[in-house]
Structures are given as structure tokens and as C-alpha cells.
Amino acid sequence: MAIFRQKMLWIGVLIITLVLTVFGLAMMGSVLGTKPSHVPVALVVLDAPVDLPTGDKLAVGEMIKKQLTGNQQLPISWKIVSSEEEAREGLNSRDYYGALVLPKDLSAGVASMMGPSPSPATVQIISNEGMNTQAATLVKQGLGQVMKMVSLELSKSALEQLSQRSEQIPVATASALLAPIQVTDETVHPVGANNASGNAPGLMTQIMWMGSLVTAMMLFLASNGAKKATGRKWEVHLLQPILGIVLVGGASGFLVWMANAWYGMEMTAALDTWLFLWLGGSMFYLLQSMLLNWIGFPAMAILVLLMFFSMPILNMPVEFLSSTTHDLLYSWTPLRFVTGGLREIMYFGGLNAVSTNAAVLWSIAGGCLVLLLAAGVKKEKAASEYSSAA
């Protein structure tokens, strides 16, 4: 058939294959097959061993500690801390996704199961939702299952010892043996209502990237037209960063207002969120404008691909990523610094909670601004040399 002899058909097949490969790699390659590994969790062992009537010592806290730290199937990296206050400080400073607190009376509570007045012990699981909801849920569910298994083992052991003493077990004791260890859950730094299950920072980053990209392209085309119309190339070029940063400031404010007013996104630090999003959007704009002024329209392909490659990993815990994805993409993509900073502001206390993310954004923005201005100097110099030669 004649259609199969047309070069355009086979070129189209090649293009389709290339597009599917590139975007498949961007959207799936960085996340498929990922699994949690070495998720940092604080372990607080306050338990005081007790003496049993048999003369033995019961140290439930130490037993649980050995079981947890020796369990290679748990994707958790245990960080032993000396107090609950120290663990909470680590949660506030985003060192841990959660914490398990074994109280001082843990062994005493378990030992009471074999007495006339049983009093179940209580352990506490704390999940750091603001750091990452996905990882915090993993910690909460994983530790909950482990503590159920430990409680069942202790229940069986106590039941065997009691059955050796007497065939009859008091009702209160039997009821307590159903759950010799009680578990309480606490969530710190909650993400709030309508925050896309904690994914709001990543979503806002993606929207801001697109808004900044449209702004950069619009001002790039407008400045090129103005340069041709007026001939005042340097003055027009200088207006690009000024107008862009002003427009991005308005766009970021509108985005924050829209998220809160239209969609009911709960924000405890709306002003701080806007200011940081303005910084992030300005960095995006300066980066995009710099590439457009140096490379031209081919820069759009680079910028679009960067967004698509970065999108899947913005809301993923770094401990879930493969080493390849971490080293080749996560470690340097500018979008993740904006997402990380927004997460700190929205869930950990506003601008006072921002760590190195802000410094990184200022550095990138400053470098891109210098390169953007240098592009104007280069073009004006090239135009002057062309006029002299003519």
C-alpha cells in the first residue's frame, strides 16, 4: 500500500515512540518500583524493669527495643533518644517521621496482668504528618501492627503462666489479657483541611512553575517586540526581571487566595506562604527567562521536561526514592526546594521554620539574574559589532 511507503508515517511512528519513552520515563520512571527504606523514627525507652514473684526480672521495654531494632523487615531506621522531649524536638526540626515512646511503667503494667488488679500499660505512637503524610502513615500503621504482635505475645506468655497456677482466671484479668499493652496515637504538625492529604506544597509548586513559565514567555516575546520597535534594547531588557518579579508576586498572591477562598485550603500562615511562594516563583521566572534569552525557544522543551520529570517526586519522602532518582534528579531539581520550603512554612510554623531551602532559592535566583542581565549585554554588544561591520 502506498501509505506505508510514505516517510511521514514512519517519522510519526518514531516521534510517538520517542514521546512515549520520554514522558513515560518522566512520569513513571522515577516513582515506579520505589519502596521505603531507612525511614528515621525516634525510639524512647523509659521503661523500668520490675521483679517478678518468681525472682526473675521483667524488662518489657528492653525486649521490645531488641525486637524492633533487630527486625530487618521494617523499613525503619531507629534513632534511640533519651527522653520524650528530645524526640519531640526532633519531630519539630523534621529529623523524624514519627516516634515510639515506651513509658516508665510499661513492665509494671504487664506484670500486673498476673495479679488481682491488672492495669494495662500504654505506649505512645507519634506521627509527624507535616513532614510527609505518606511516610507518617507508614510509620503509624507499621508501629501499630508491631505493637499488636508484641501485645499478643505477652498475652500468650501471661496466660500460660496463669494457667499453671490455677485453672480459673478472674474476669478482670482475662479482659486485661486481651490487650496487655494499650496504644495511643498522636499526630503532630497536622496538614489541616483540604490540603490534598499533605500534597498541597507540591501542587502549589507545580502551578507556580507554570504561571512563571507563561510570564517568562510573555515578557520574552514582548521585550523582543519592544526592542525592535524602539531600538532601546538595554532599557527594555532591564525591565524583564523587574516586571516579571512584580507579576509573579501578584500571581503567587492570587494562587494563595484562590486555594484558601475557592477550595477551602486551611492555612495557618497565609502571608508567610505567599511571601515564600513569591520567592520561589521569582526564582522560577528568572531561571526560565535566563534560558529563553540565552537559548531561545528550544529552552521551552527543557523547561517543560524538567517540570514533568520533577512532578512525581515533589511529594515523595526522600527515603522512598531510589539512589538513581535521588542522585540524578531530586538532589538538584529547583522545584523540590520550593516544595520543601512551603512544607516547612505551612506545617511547621511559618517563615521562622524555613531551613536552607530559602538560601538555596536566593542563590539560584541571584545567579539567574546575573546571567539574564549578561544575556542582554551580550546581545547589545553583538548588535553593535554588526552595525559597525555594516
Foldseek 3Di string as FASTA:
>chain_A
DVVVVDPVVVVVVVVVVVVCVLLCCQQPVFAPPFAFAAAEEEEEQQADWDAAPVRDIFGLSVVLVCVVVVDPVQRHNYDYDHDPVVRVVCLLLLNHQKYKHQHHCQNVQLNQLLDPDHDAAEIEIEGAQLSAVVVSVSSVVVVVVSLQVSLLVSLVVSVVVNCVVDVDDDPVSVVCSNGSYHYDYHYALHLDPPCVSNCVLLVLLLVLLVVLLVLLVVLVVVLVVVCVVPVPLLVSLVCSLVVSLVVSLVVLLVVLCCCCVVVNRDFPCSVLLSVLSSLLSSLSNLQNNLCCLVPNPVSVVVSVSLSSNCSVPLNPDPSRTDPCCCVVRVVDRLSNLSSSQSSQQRRNPGPVRGDCSSVVSVVSSVVSNVSSSVSSVVVVVVVVVVVVVD
